[in-house]
Protein backbone atom coordinates (compact mmCIF):
# COMPACT_ATOMS: atom_id res chain seq x y z
CA MET A 1 -34.74 -53.21 -42.61
CA ILE A 2 -35.79 -52.90 -38.99
CA SER A 3 -39.30 -54.05 -38.05
CA ARG A 4 -41.73 -51.90 -36.08
CA ARG A 5 -41.11 -54.13 -33.03
CA GLY A 6 -37.37 -53.82 -33.58
CA THR A 7 -37.71 -50.06 -33.79
CA ARG A 8 -39.47 -50.02 -30.41
CA VAL A 9 -36.74 -52.21 -28.87
CA LEU A 10 -34.01 -49.96 -30.33
CA ALA A 11 -35.77 -46.86 -28.97
CA ILE A 12 -35.93 -48.43 -25.50
CA VAL A 13 -32.25 -49.36 -25.65
CA LEU A 14 -31.23 -45.85 -26.81
CA ALA A 15 -33.40 -44.27 -24.12
CA GLY A 16 -31.76 -46.47 -21.54
CA LEU A 17 -28.31 -45.52 -22.78
CA ALA A 18 -29.29 -41.88 -22.68
CA MET A 19 -30.46 -42.26 -19.09
CA VAL A 20 -27.20 -43.98 -18.17
CA GLY A 21 -25.39 -41.02 -19.69
CA VAL A 22 -27.46 -38.60 -17.59
CA VAL A 23 -26.78 -40.55 -14.40
CA SER A 24 -23.11 -40.80 -15.29
CA ALA A 25 -22.91 -37.05 -15.94
CA CYS A 26 -24.59 -36.32 -12.61
CA GLY A 27 -21.97 -38.44 -10.88
CA ASP A 28 -19.02 -36.88 -12.67
CA ASP A 29 -16.19 -35.30 -10.71
CA PRO A 30 -16.18 -31.49 -10.53
CA PRO A 31 -14.81 -29.66 -13.59
CA PRO A 32 -11.02 -29.65 -13.87
CA THR A 33 -9.27 -27.42 -11.36
CA LEU A 34 -6.37 -25.19 -12.40
CA ASP A 35 -3.61 -25.00 -9.82
CA TYR A 36 -2.14 -21.50 -9.41
CA LEU A 37 1.00 -21.38 -7.26
CA THR A 38 1.92 -18.17 -5.45
CA ASP A 39 4.49 -17.27 -2.80
CA ALA A 40 1.84 -15.44 -0.77
CA ARG A 41 0.74 -16.47 2.70
CA LEU A 42 -3.01 -16.86 2.30
CA SER A 43 -4.17 -15.89 5.77
CA THR A 44 -6.65 -13.11 4.95
CA ALA A 45 -8.69 -11.71 2.09
CA ASN A 46 -7.97 -8.17 3.26
CA ALA A 47 -4.89 -7.04 1.35
CA ASN A 48 -5.03 -3.61 3.01
CA THR A 49 -3.92 -4.57 6.51
CA ALA A 50 -0.21 -4.45 7.29
CA ASP A 51 -0.02 -8.25 7.44
CA GLY A 52 -2.29 -8.80 4.44
CA ASN A 53 -0.15 -6.49 2.34
CA ALA A 54 3.12 -8.10 3.47
CA ASP A 55 1.75 -11.60 2.92
CA GLY A 56 0.69 -10.84 -0.66
CA ALA A 57 -3.09 -11.19 -0.24
CA LEU A 58 -3.71 -9.17 -3.42
CA MET A 59 -2.36 -12.12 -5.44
CA LEU A 60 -5.55 -13.89 -4.32
CA THR A 61 -8.16 -11.11 -4.26
CA SER A 62 -7.47 -8.97 -7.33
CA ARG A 63 -10.39 -10.58 -9.23
CA VAL A 64 -12.45 -11.39 -6.13
CA LEU A 65 -12.70 -7.86 -4.75
CA PRO A 66 -12.08 -5.52 -7.70
CA GLY A 67 -12.12 -1.73 -7.46
CA PHE A 68 -12.14 1.27 -9.75
CA SER A 69 -8.81 0.16 -11.22
CA PHE A 70 -6.35 -2.70 -11.29
CA LEU A 71 -2.67 -3.15 -12.05
CA GLY A 72 -2.14 -4.45 -15.57
CA ALA A 73 0.59 -6.72 -16.86
CA SER A 74 3.33 -4.11 -16.47
CA GLY A 75 2.03 -2.82 -13.16
CA GLN A 76 0.27 0.09 -14.83
CA VAL A 77 -3.00 1.42 -13.40
CA THR A 78 -5.90 0.34 -15.62
CA PRO A 79 -9.51 1.55 -15.13
CA ASP A 80 -12.03 -1.17 -14.25
CA ARG A 81 -15.29 0.08 -15.73
CA ASP A 82 -17.18 -3.02 -14.58
CA ILE A 83 -17.03 -1.39 -11.14
CA GLY A 84 -17.48 2.20 -12.24
CA THR A 85 -15.80 5.34 -13.45
CA VAL A 86 -13.64 8.05 -11.92
CA THR A 87 -13.75 11.57 -13.37
CA ALA A 88 -11.38 14.40 -12.47
CA GLN A 89 -13.18 17.70 -11.99
CA PRO A 90 -11.66 21.11 -12.82
CA GLY A 91 -10.83 23.47 -9.98
CA ALA A 92 -8.18 24.74 -7.60
CA VAL A 93 -8.53 21.63 -5.42
CA GLN A 94 -8.13 18.12 -6.82
CA THR A 95 -11.66 16.69 -6.94
CA LEU A 96 -12.73 13.28 -8.25
CA THR A 97 -16.21 11.97 -8.94
CA TYR A 98 -16.67 8.24 -8.36
CA GLN A 99 -19.67 6.64 -10.04
CA PHE A 100 -20.42 2.96 -9.32
CA THR A 101 -21.95 0.93 -12.14
CA PRO A 102 -25.69 0.44 -11.40
CA ASP A 103 -25.30 -3.36 -11.41
CA ALA A 104 -22.21 -3.38 -9.16
CA ALA A 105 -23.06 -5.50 -6.12
CA PHE A 106 -21.56 -8.06 -3.79
CA SER A 107 -22.53 -11.69 -4.21
CA ASP A 108 -24.76 -11.45 -1.12
CA GLY A 109 -26.91 -8.95 -3.05
CA THR A 110 -25.67 -5.79 -1.28
CA PRO A 111 -24.83 -3.00 -3.75
CA LEU A 112 -21.37 -1.46 -3.87
CA ASP A 113 -21.88 2.11 -2.78
CA CYS A 114 -20.80 5.11 -0.75
CA ASP A 115 -20.46 3.06 2.46
CA ASP A 116 -17.71 0.86 0.98
CA LEU A 117 -15.81 3.89 -0.35
CA VAL A 118 -15.94 5.80 2.94
CA LEU A 119 -14.93 2.70 4.93
CA ALA A 120 -11.86 2.19 2.71
CA TRP A 121 -10.83 5.84 3.09
CA THR A 122 -11.36 5.80 6.86
CA ALA A 123 -9.31 2.64 7.24
CA MET A 124 -6.38 3.98 5.25
CA ASN A 125 -6.20 7.74 5.82
CA GLY A 126 -4.10 7.45 8.98
CA ARG A 127 -6.49 9.32 11.23
CA TYR A 128 -7.51 6.07 12.92
CA PRO A 129 -4.32 3.98 13.35
CA GLU A 130 -6.33 1.27 15.11
CA PHE A 131 -7.32 -0.05 11.67
CA GLY A 132 -3.74 -1.26 11.17
CA ALA A 133 -3.73 -0.36 7.48
CA ALA A 134 -0.71 -1.19 5.33
CA THR A 135 -0.16 2.42 4.22
CA THR A 136 -1.77 5.84 4.15
CA ALA A 137 -0.23 6.82 0.79
CA GLY A 138 -2.71 8.91 -1.22
CA TYR A 139 -5.60 8.38 1.18
CA ARG A 140 -3.97 10.70 3.73
CA ASP A 141 -4.24 13.51 1.16
CA ILE A 142 -8.05 13.26 0.86
CA ASP A 143 -9.86 15.97 2.80
CA LYS A 144 -13.41 14.61 2.57
CA ILE A 145 -15.83 12.35 0.73
CA ASP A 146 -19.30 13.69 0.01
CA CYS A 147 -22.02 11.09 -0.61
CA ASP A 148 -25.27 9.86 0.86
CA ALA A 149 -25.58 6.48 2.52
CA GLY A 150 -26.26 3.86 -0.13
CA SER A 151 -25.50 6.27 -2.98
CA LYS A 152 -23.77 5.05 -6.12
CA ARG A 153 -22.06 8.41 -6.54
CA ALA A 154 -19.41 10.12 -4.41
CA THR A 155 -17.27 13.25 -4.63
CA VAL A 156 -13.75 12.96 -3.26
CA SER A 157 -11.94 16.21 -2.46
CA PHE A 158 -8.23 16.42 -1.66
CA GLU A 159 -6.51 18.90 0.60
CA ARG A 160 -5.36 22.05 -1.15
CA GLY A 161 -1.93 21.54 -2.68
CA ARG A 162 -2.09 17.75 -2.24
CA ASP A 163 -2.93 16.66 -5.78
CA TYR A 164 -1.92 13.01 -5.46
CA ARG A 165 -0.17 12.01 -8.68
CA ASP A 166 -1.19 8.35 -8.60
CA TRP A 167 -4.88 9.13 -7.94
CA ARG A 168 -6.08 6.56 -10.46
CA SER A 169 -4.82 3.77 -8.20
CA LEU A 170 -6.91 4.86 -5.21
CA PHE A 171 -9.87 2.62 -4.34
CA GLY A 172 -8.43 0.02 -6.71
CA ALA A 173 -8.60 -3.77 -6.65
CA GLY A 174 -8.67 -5.25 -3.18
CA THR A 175 -9.49 -2.01 -1.32
CA LEU A 176 -13.31 -2.00 -1.29
CA MET A 177 -14.04 -4.42 1.52
CA PRO A 178 -17.77 -5.13 2.06
CA ALA A 179 -19.01 -2.56 4.58
CA GLN A 180 -22.05 -4.69 5.45
CA VAL A 181 -19.80 -7.52 6.69
CA VAL A 182 -17.71 -5.13 8.78
CA ALA A 183 -20.85 -3.54 10.25
CA ARG A 184 -22.32 -6.93 11.15
CA SER A 185 -19.06 -8.12 12.68
CA ALA A 186 -18.75 -4.89 14.68
CA GLY A 187 -22.35 -5.14 15.88
CA VAL A 188 -23.48 -1.85 14.37
CA GLY A 189 -26.28 -1.01 11.97
CA ASP A 190 -23.95 0.61 9.44
CA VAL A 191 -20.42 1.98 9.27
CA LEU A 192 -21.22 5.36 7.77
CA ALA A 193 -23.09 6.99 10.67
CA PRO A 194 -20.45 6.40 13.38
CA ILE A 195 -17.64 7.39 11.00
CA ARG A 196 -19.43 10.62 10.06
CA SER A 197 -20.16 11.46 13.70
CA GLY A 198 -16.62 10.64 14.83
CA ASN A 199 -17.82 8.09 17.40
CA ARG A 200 -14.39 6.78 18.48
CA PRO A 201 -15.53 3.80 20.60
CA THR A 202 -17.68 2.54 17.72
CA ILE A 203 -14.98 3.28 15.15
CA ARG A 204 -12.58 1.15 17.22
CA ARG A 205 -15.05 -1.73 16.97
CA ILE A 206 -15.33 -1.15 13.22
CA ALA A 207 -11.54 -1.12 12.94
CA LYS A 208 -11.24 -4.43 14.79
CA ALA A 209 -13.86 -5.98 12.53
CA TRP A 210 -12.14 -4.62 9.37
CA ARG A 211 -8.88 -6.24 10.50
CA SER A 212 -10.29 -9.62 11.51
CA ALA A 213 -13.54 -10.33 9.63
CA PHE A 214 -11.83 -11.55 6.46
CA GLU A 215 -9.39 -14.04 7.94
CA LEU A 216 -9.24 -17.28 5.95
CA ARG A 217 -9.93 -20.47 7.88
CA VAL A 218 -10.14 -24.02 6.55
CA GLY A 219 -13.67 -24.96 5.52
CA ALA A 220 -16.48 -23.98 3.18
CA VAL A 221 -16.93 -20.21 2.91
CA ASP A 222 -20.29 -18.58 3.65
CA VAL A 223 -21.10 -16.01 0.97
CA ASP A 224 -22.59 -13.72 3.62
CA ALA A 225 -19.31 -13.73 5.55
CA MET A 226 -17.01 -13.44 2.52
CA PRO A 227 -19.00 -11.95 -0.37
CA SER A 228 -17.34 -11.26 -3.70
CA SER A 229 -17.71 -8.24 -5.94
CA GLY A 230 -15.77 -9.71 -8.85
CA PRO A 231 -15.87 -12.47 -11.44
CA TYR A 232 -14.58 -15.02 -8.90
CA GLU A 233 -15.64 -15.78 -5.36
CA ILE A 234 -13.97 -17.77 -2.58
CA SER A 235 -15.73 -21.10 -2.27
CA ASP A 236 -13.52 -23.13 0.08
CA VAL A 237 -10.35 -22.81 2.08
CA THR A 238 -8.41 -26.06 2.25
CA ASP A 239 -5.07 -27.19 3.61
CA SER A 240 -3.81 -26.96 0.02
CA GLY A 241 -5.09 -23.50 -0.84
CA VAL A 242 -8.08 -21.26 -1.53
CA LEU A 243 -10.62 -22.42 -4.12
CA LEU A 244 -12.06 -19.78 -6.44
CA VAL A 245 -15.22 -20.41 -8.47
CA PRO A 246 -17.24 -18.11 -10.75
CA ASN A 247 -19.45 -15.60 -8.97
CA SER A 248 -22.95 -16.29 -10.30
CA LYS A 249 -24.00 -12.72 -9.42
CA TRP A 250 -21.23 -11.13 -11.50
CA TRP A 251 -22.63 -8.69 -14.06
CA GLY A 252 -19.61 -8.53 -16.36
CA ASP A 253 -18.10 -11.07 -18.76
CA ALA A 254 -18.17 -14.51 -17.15
CA PRO A 255 -14.79 -16.08 -16.30
CA LYS A 256 -13.65 -18.94 -18.52
CA VAL A 257 -12.22 -21.34 -15.91
CA SER A 258 -14.68 -22.83 -13.44
CA ARG A 259 -12.25 -23.75 -10.65
CA ILE A 260 -8.91 -22.20 -9.69
CA LEU A 261 -7.10 -23.44 -6.60
CA VAL A 262 -4.72 -20.72 -5.40
CA HIS A 263 -1.87 -22.23 -3.42
CA GLY A 264 0.09 -20.35 -0.79
CA ARG A 265 3.83 -20.28 -0.25
CA SER A 266 4.27 -23.50 1.76
CA ASP A 267 2.16 -25.65 -0.55
CA SER A 268 3.69 -24.03 -3.64
CA ALA A 269 7.17 -25.05 -2.50
CA ARG A 270 5.99 -28.66 -2.42
CA LEU A 271 4.22 -28.58 -5.79
CA ILE A 272 6.73 -26.61 -7.82
CA THR A 273 9.42 -29.25 -7.42
CA GLY A 274 7.32 -31.86 -9.21
CA ASN A 275 5.78 -29.50 -11.79
CA SER A 276 2.37 -30.22 -10.23
CA TYR A 277 0.66 -27.01 -11.26
CA ASP A 278 -0.75 -25.05 -14.19
CA VAL A 279 0.35 -21.48 -13.41
CA ALA A 280 3.07 -20.32 -11.04
CA ASP A 281 4.19 -16.87 -9.89
CA VAL A 282 6.76 -17.22 -7.12
CA THR A 283 10.04 -15.83 -5.91
CA ALA A 284 12.96 -17.39 -7.75
CA GLY A 285 14.61 -20.12 -5.71
CA LEU A 286 11.58 -20.92 -3.58
CA THR A 287 13.02 -24.43 -3.63
CA ASP A 288 16.59 -25.46 -4.27
CA GLY A 289 17.52 -25.18 -7.96
CA ASP A 290 14.09 -23.98 -9.08
CA ALA A 291 15.29 -20.63 -10.41
CA ALA A 292 17.75 -22.21 -12.83
CA ARG A 293 15.26 -24.05 -15.04
CA SER A 294 15.13 -23.37 -18.75
CA ASP A 295 12.48 -21.39 -20.60
CA GLN A 296 10.78 -24.54 -21.84
CA ASN A 297 11.00 -27.61 -19.64
CA SER A 298 10.05 -31.23 -20.17
CA ALA A 299 6.54 -30.64 -18.84
CA GLY A 300 5.84 -28.15 -21.63
CA GLN A 301 5.82 -25.23 -19.23
CA VAL A 302 6.68 -21.75 -20.39
CA GLN A 303 8.90 -19.73 -18.11
CA ALA A 304 8.47 -15.96 -18.18
CA ARG A 305 11.38 -14.75 -16.12
CA ASP A 306 11.58 -11.00 -15.65
CA ALA A 307 14.27 -9.11 -17.46
CA PRO A 308 15.88 -7.42 -14.40
CA GLY A 309 15.44 -4.01 -16.02
CA ARG A 310 11.64 -4.46 -15.98
CA ALA A 311 11.43 -5.36 -12.29
CA LEU A 312 9.10 -3.34 -10.07
CA GLY A 313 10.37 -4.66 -6.74
CA VAL A 314 13.76 -4.46 -5.05
CA GLU A 315 14.91 -7.10 -2.57
CA GLU A 316 16.14 -5.50 0.63
CA LEU A 317 17.40 -6.20 4.12
CA VAL A 318 15.30 -3.97 6.39
CA LEU A 319 16.99 -3.32 9.76
CA SER A 320 15.01 -2.92 12.96
CA ARG A 321 16.66 0.27 14.37
CA ARG A 322 16.00 -1.25 17.81
CA GLY A 323 18.04 -3.58 19.97
CA VAL A 324 21.37 -4.36 18.34
CA PHE A 325 20.59 -1.90 15.53
CA ALA A 326 19.57 1.03 17.74
CA ASP A 327 22.97 2.60 17.03
CA ALA A 328 23.50 3.93 13.49
CA ALA A 329 27.18 2.96 13.70
CA VAL A 330 26.21 -0.69 14.19
CA ARG A 331 23.85 -0.51 11.22
CA GLN A 332 26.70 0.95 9.15
CA ALA A 333 29.06 -1.76 10.39
CA PHE A 334 26.61 -4.47 9.41
CA ALA A 335 26.06 -2.92 5.98
CA SER A 336 29.84 -2.88 5.57
CA CYS A 337 30.13 -6.65 6.06
CA VAL A 338 27.13 -7.60 3.89
CA PRO A 339 28.61 -8.85 0.57
CA ARG A 340 26.20 -7.03 -1.71
CA ASP A 341 28.22 -7.76 -4.85
CA VAL A 342 28.42 -11.49 -4.07
CA LEU A 343 24.72 -11.71 -3.19
CA THR A 344 23.80 -9.97 -6.44
CA ARG A 345 26.04 -12.18 -8.54
CA LYS A 346 24.88 -15.46 -6.94
CA PHE A 347 21.21 -14.74 -6.27
CA GLY A 348 20.16 -11.78 -8.42
CA GLN A 349 19.42 -13.84 -11.56
CA GLY A 350 21.41 -11.48 -13.78
CA ALA A 351 20.30 -8.25 -12.09
CA GLN A 352 22.70 -5.43 -11.38
CA LEU A 353 23.57 -4.34 -7.87
CA TRP A 354 20.77 -1.95 -6.89
CA ASN A 355 21.33 1.06 -4.65
CA LEU A 356 17.90 2.71 -4.54
CA ARG A 357 14.98 2.04 -2.22
CA THR A 358 12.35 4.30 -3.76
CA LEU A 359 12.91 3.57 -7.46
CA ALA A 360 12.94 0.11 -9.03
CA PRO A 361 14.90 -0.77 -12.20
CA ALA A 362 11.79 -0.37 -14.37
CA ASP A 363 11.46 3.30 -13.45
CA ARG A 364 12.67 5.56 -16.24
CA LEU A 365 14.58 7.81 -13.82
CA ALA A 366 16.36 5.05 -11.97
CA SER A 367 19.27 4.04 -14.19
CA SER A 368 20.65 7.56 -14.38
CA ILE A 369 21.23 7.83 -10.61
CA ASN A 370 21.59 4.25 -9.35
CA SER A 371 25.40 4.46 -9.35
CA GLU A 372 25.39 7.68 -7.31
CA PHE A 373 24.53 5.88 -4.07
CA GLY A 374 25.75 3.03 -1.90
CA GLN A 375 29.30 3.27 -3.20
CA GLY A 376 30.74 2.77 0.27
CA TYR A 377 28.84 -0.49 0.61
CA LEU A 378 29.40 -2.20 -2.73
CA ARG A 379 31.30 -5.16 -1.28
CA ALA A 380 32.15 -6.58 2.12
CA ASN A 381 34.81 -4.70 4.07
CA ALA A 382 35.49 -6.50 7.36
CA ALA A 383 38.15 -4.01 8.46
CA LYS A 384 35.77 -1.06 8.02
CA SER A 385 33.05 -2.98 9.86
CA ARG A 386 35.35 -3.69 12.85
CA GLU A 387 36.48 -0.06 12.89
CA LEU A 388 32.91 1.21 13.03
CA LEU A 389 32.06 -1.21 15.83
CA ALA A 390 35.14 -0.15 17.80
CA GLY A 391 34.19 3.49 17.42
CA ALA A 392 30.77 2.68 18.84
CA GLY A 393 32.31 0.75 21.74
CA LYS A 394 30.95 -2.53 20.38
CA ASN A 395 34.05 -4.67 20.04
CA SER A 396 32.34 -8.03 20.59
CA GLY A 397 29.06 -9.81 21.15
CA ILE A 398 27.21 -8.44 18.11
CA ARG A 399 24.51 -10.92 17.14
CA VAL A 400 22.13 -10.29 14.25
CA ARG A 401 19.00 -12.37 13.64
CA ILE A 402 17.71 -12.32 10.05
CA GLY A 403 14.16 -13.44 9.29
CA TYR A 404 12.07 -14.04 6.20
CA LEU A 405 8.90 -15.91 5.36
CA ALA A 406 9.81 -19.58 5.01
CA PRO A 407 10.16 -21.65 2.98
CA GLY A 408 12.65 -19.86 0.74
CA ASP A 409 15.77 -21.75 -0.21
CA ARG A 410 17.37 -18.80 -1.98
CA GLN A 411 16.87 -16.58 1.07
CA ARG A 412 18.33 -19.34 3.27
CA GLN A 413 21.47 -19.39 1.16
CA MET A 414 21.64 -15.58 1.21
CA VAL A 415 21.58 -15.52 5.03
CA SER A 416 24.30 -18.16 5.08
CA ALA A 417 26.45 -16.02 2.76
CA VAL A 418 25.93 -12.97 4.98
CA ALA A 419 26.83 -15.03 8.05
CA ASP A 420 30.10 -16.19 6.46
CA SER A 421 31.04 -12.66 5.43
CA CYS A 422 30.06 -10.86 8.63
CA GLY A 423 31.73 -13.51 10.79
CA ALA A 424 35.06 -12.09 9.65
CA ALA A 425 34.02 -8.75 11.19
CA GLY A 426 33.02 -10.36 14.48
CA ILE A 427 29.30 -10.19 13.80
CA SER A 428 27.35 -13.39 14.38
CA VAL A 429 24.37 -13.90 12.04
CA THR A 430 21.50 -16.33 12.73
CA ASP A 431 18.62 -17.41 10.47
CA VAL A 432 15.31 -17.03 12.36
CA SER A 433 12.93 -17.59 9.46
CA SER A 434 9.73 -19.60 9.80
CA PRO A 435 6.38 -20.08 8.02
CA GLN A 436 4.89 -17.89 10.78
CA PHE A 437 7.39 -15.03 10.38
CA GLY A 438 5.74 -11.64 9.90
CA ILE A 439 6.78 -8.03 9.58
CA GLY A 440 5.63 -7.50 13.17
CA ASP A 441 8.53 -9.72 14.27
CA LEU A 442 11.06 -7.10 13.16
CA GLY A 443 12.63 -5.66 16.31
CA LYS A 444 11.27 -8.52 18.41
CA THR A 445 12.42 -11.95 17.26
CA ALA A 446 14.43 -10.60 14.32
CA ASP A 447 16.88 -7.73 13.87
CA ALA A 448 16.58 -7.69 10.08
CA ALA A 449 14.12 -9.02 7.52
CA ILE A 450 14.49 -9.96 3.86
CA VAL A 451 11.58 -8.34 2.04
CA VAL A 452 10.71 -6.84 -1.34
CA GLY A 453 9.86 -3.15 -1.68
CA GLY A 454 10.41 -2.58 2.02
CA THR A 455 7.52 -4.69 3.32
CA SER A 456 6.46 -7.61 1.11
CA PHE A 457 7.23 -11.31 1.23
CA ALA A 458 5.51 -11.95 -2.12
CA ALA A 459 4.85 -10.04 -5.36
CA ALA A 460 5.44 -6.31 -4.95
CA GLY A 461 5.53 -3.01 -6.75
CA ALA A 462 3.64 -0.97 -9.34
CA ALA A 463 4.65 1.09 -12.35
CA ASP A 464 4.23 4.30 -10.37
CA PRO A 465 6.49 4.18 -7.26
CA SER A 466 4.56 6.82 -5.29
CA ARG A 467 3.07 4.34 -2.83
CA ASP A 468 6.19 2.26 -2.20
CA ALA A 469 8.27 5.34 -1.35
CA TYR A 470 6.27 5.57 1.88
CA GLN A 471 8.47 2.81 3.33
CA LEU A 472 10.69 5.76 4.39
CA PHE A 473 7.89 8.19 5.35
CA GLY A 474 7.95 8.78 9.10
CA GLY A 475 4.88 7.31 10.78
CA ASP A 476 3.48 5.51 7.74
CA PRO A 477 2.74 1.81 8.33
CA LEU A 478 5.00 0.89 5.38
CA ASP A 479 7.82 2.36 7.47
CA ILE A 480 8.10 -0.87 9.47
CA ASN A 481 11.27 0.04 11.38
CA GLY A 482 10.29 3.57 12.43
CA PHE A 483 12.75 5.51 10.28
CA ASP A 484 11.90 9.18 10.76
CA ASP A 485 13.68 11.97 8.91
CA GLN A 486 11.61 15.08 8.30
CA GLN A 487 13.56 16.06 5.21
CA VAL A 488 12.96 12.61 3.73
CA SER A 489 9.25 12.66 4.61
CA ASP A 490 8.90 16.09 3.04
CA ALA A 491 10.66 14.89 -0.12
CA ILE A 492 8.39 11.83 -0.37
CA ALA A 493 5.31 14.00 0.13
CA ALA A 494 6.54 16.35 -2.61
CA ARG A 495 7.25 13.45 -4.98
CA SER A 496 3.74 12.03 -4.57
CA VAL A 497 1.96 15.14 -5.82
CA GLY A 498 1.88 16.90 -9.16
CA SER A 499 3.47 15.58 -12.32
CA LEU A 500 6.82 13.97 -12.97
CA GLY A 501 9.15 16.90 -13.60
CA SER A 502 12.79 17.85 -13.45
CA ASP A 503 12.61 18.24 -9.66
CA GLN A 504 11.94 14.52 -9.20
CA LEU A 505 15.60 13.50 -9.40
CA GLY A 506 16.52 16.08 -6.79
CA LEU A 507 13.89 14.70 -4.42
CA VAL A 508 15.07 11.13 -4.95
CA ARG A 509 18.65 12.23 -4.25
CA THR A 510 17.53 13.83 -0.99
CA ILE A 511 15.74 10.63 0.07
CA GLU A 512 18.51 8.20 -0.84
CA ALA A 513 21.37 10.29 0.56
CA ALA A 514 19.67 10.46 3.97
CA ALA A 515 18.76 6.77 3.87
CA TRP A 516 22.33 5.70 3.09
CA ALA A 517 23.60 7.87 5.97
CA ASP A 518 21.19 6.28 8.46
CA VAL A 519 21.00 2.77 6.87
CA PRO A 520 17.45 1.78 7.86
CA SER A 521 17.68 -0.79 5.09
CA ILE A 522 20.14 -2.28 2.62
CA PRO A 523 18.91 -2.59 -0.99
CA LEU A 524 20.36 -5.55 -2.86
CA PHE A 525 18.99 -6.23 -6.37
CA ALA A 526 15.83 -6.43 -8.46
CA ALA A 527 13.68 -9.09 -6.80
CA PRO A 528 13.93 -12.19 -9.03
CA ARG A 529 10.64 -13.93 -9.80
CA VAL A 530 9.72 -16.93 -11.93
CA ARG A 531 6.40 -17.11 -13.74
CA ARG A 532 5.43 -20.29 -15.57
CA TRP A 533 2.37 -21.93 -17.04
CA ASN A 534 1.70 -25.04 -19.08
CA ASP A 535 -0.22 -25.80 -22.24
CA ARG A 536 -3.32 -26.73 -20.22
CA VAL A 537 -4.14 -23.04 -19.76
CA HIS A 538 -4.16 -20.18 -22.26
CA ASN A 539 -4.38 -16.36 -22.13
CA VAL A 540 -2.01 -16.20 -19.17
CA VAL A 541 -0.02 -12.95 -19.14
CA ALA A 542 2.78 -12.54 -16.60
CA GLY A 543 1.98 -9.72 -14.20
CA LEU A 544 4.83 -7.61 -12.84
CA GLY A 545 2.89 -5.79 -10.09
CA ARG A 546 1.94 -6.76 -6.54
CA ASN A 547 -1.24 -8.45 -7.81
CA GLY A 548 0.89 -11.00 -9.69
CA THR A 549 0.07 -13.08 -12.74
CA GLY A 550 -3.49 -13.64 -11.50
CA TRP A 551 -4.31 -10.07 -12.54
CA ASN A 552 -6.33 -11.43 -15.51
CA MET A 553 -7.30 -14.88 -14.26
CA ASP A 554 -10.91 -14.32 -15.37
CA ARG A 555 -9.56 -14.36 -18.94
CA TRP A 556 -7.65 -17.61 -18.54
CA VAL A 557 -8.93 -20.48 -20.69
CA SER A 558 -8.49 -24.12 -19.82
CA GLY A 559 -7.19 -26.32 -22.61
CA GLU A 560 -9.12 -29.34 -21.32
């Protein structure tokens, strides 16, 4: 039995231990950080610029800057009612009503409203090319947006006859950049007034701010400069990646993981070799031998490799159509010496040789017409290549520089294989890849680029191919080599409106026949990707779209 004095002593001891526990807890390290590896180049939080789209910025921002929809696991458009609702209105002209959720606001306290919607449309409708948007697909078909400044409600009206089929994807995740940040960076009171009045000098300043205000630089991130509208916000940018933490102002279900460090391509190549990560979504063969690992490795990691038939992106060689490739005969000669069958067999991870640019293997229409195209370019034919060059008066001195975003061991080996094959036709091939390589280098420091879906170095594609078809639409920013065929543009425009009907195959045939005649690009195979995660994290679902496996990161649960 403990005496009264002993009880007092015991109470003092327990109190002291409790205080030690409090002090110890206060000095604890931060909560565990989950490492998410991507093959994106994390240079900006604006996934809507040409560079941001090519670099794969949406792999970072899908749950930082959500919109009225997001791409689900299979790349399907899924409404995001935390942000608001979209309602189609009856009538002769396609009309949509956008209603923001009353609580929807950026983490700096500014509500999401009409200003953000109008800014996104202005940046991407093609009427102001100084914005440098990635594409005008869908947004170019909108005639007007009716809403008052600061309003939570907007009416979007399309041009007559331009009922964009994939309308549910418009103003989706990553598109609603904070208008207040752009206005402040541009030195204007708001973005809506100058846009409505058509003040071109001020709109140019707004465009410059939209392009540059969201660049990611090493250091702590000021919430006023980079506010979030989603469950996660960007806290820090480090040499290793971008740190995401829960957004305390988020009005929806709170995320389960308190720290996610998103690694970019260069750092991912270092970490994936030693299994030093929790979740990975990268191009297969980012490092030598990585793509060949088994479904369950010694680190307890699950590998979710795509079945090639489910792929939403096609790996391509896009040709510049300038310099050495200004002549169509030279493009045809190069395509004739590219060993497409060998590349597919060695680097396609079980995929079939793919001949279409505007339909990926996952599309239900694709398999029935894939074999109709590219038959003259199935395998390398050095004699045909030399004959085409001779006919064009190009008997010697043909040098082709191929670039891609480095590192990428599989791409390096692919370029080497092309060099060996084309050397027999008298075409010299050089690898000009680098970690700084961008799509803007096509036609300057590179004559061809290895990309996915026509423009991307990282995750690409969506279940509906309407947007990606614009890689062949004359004048669209996705058309990075300036291919311009009016019949093709008309067919793409026709495909993007209305419903999927029997005329769709005819339109695809028109597009692909013209593209194979001109050879602005050379499709190869379904882009192979590897997605893995370990038993430290749960509720991970591999994402097949351009937002990647991070599409539901706010639902991930840490096992520690």
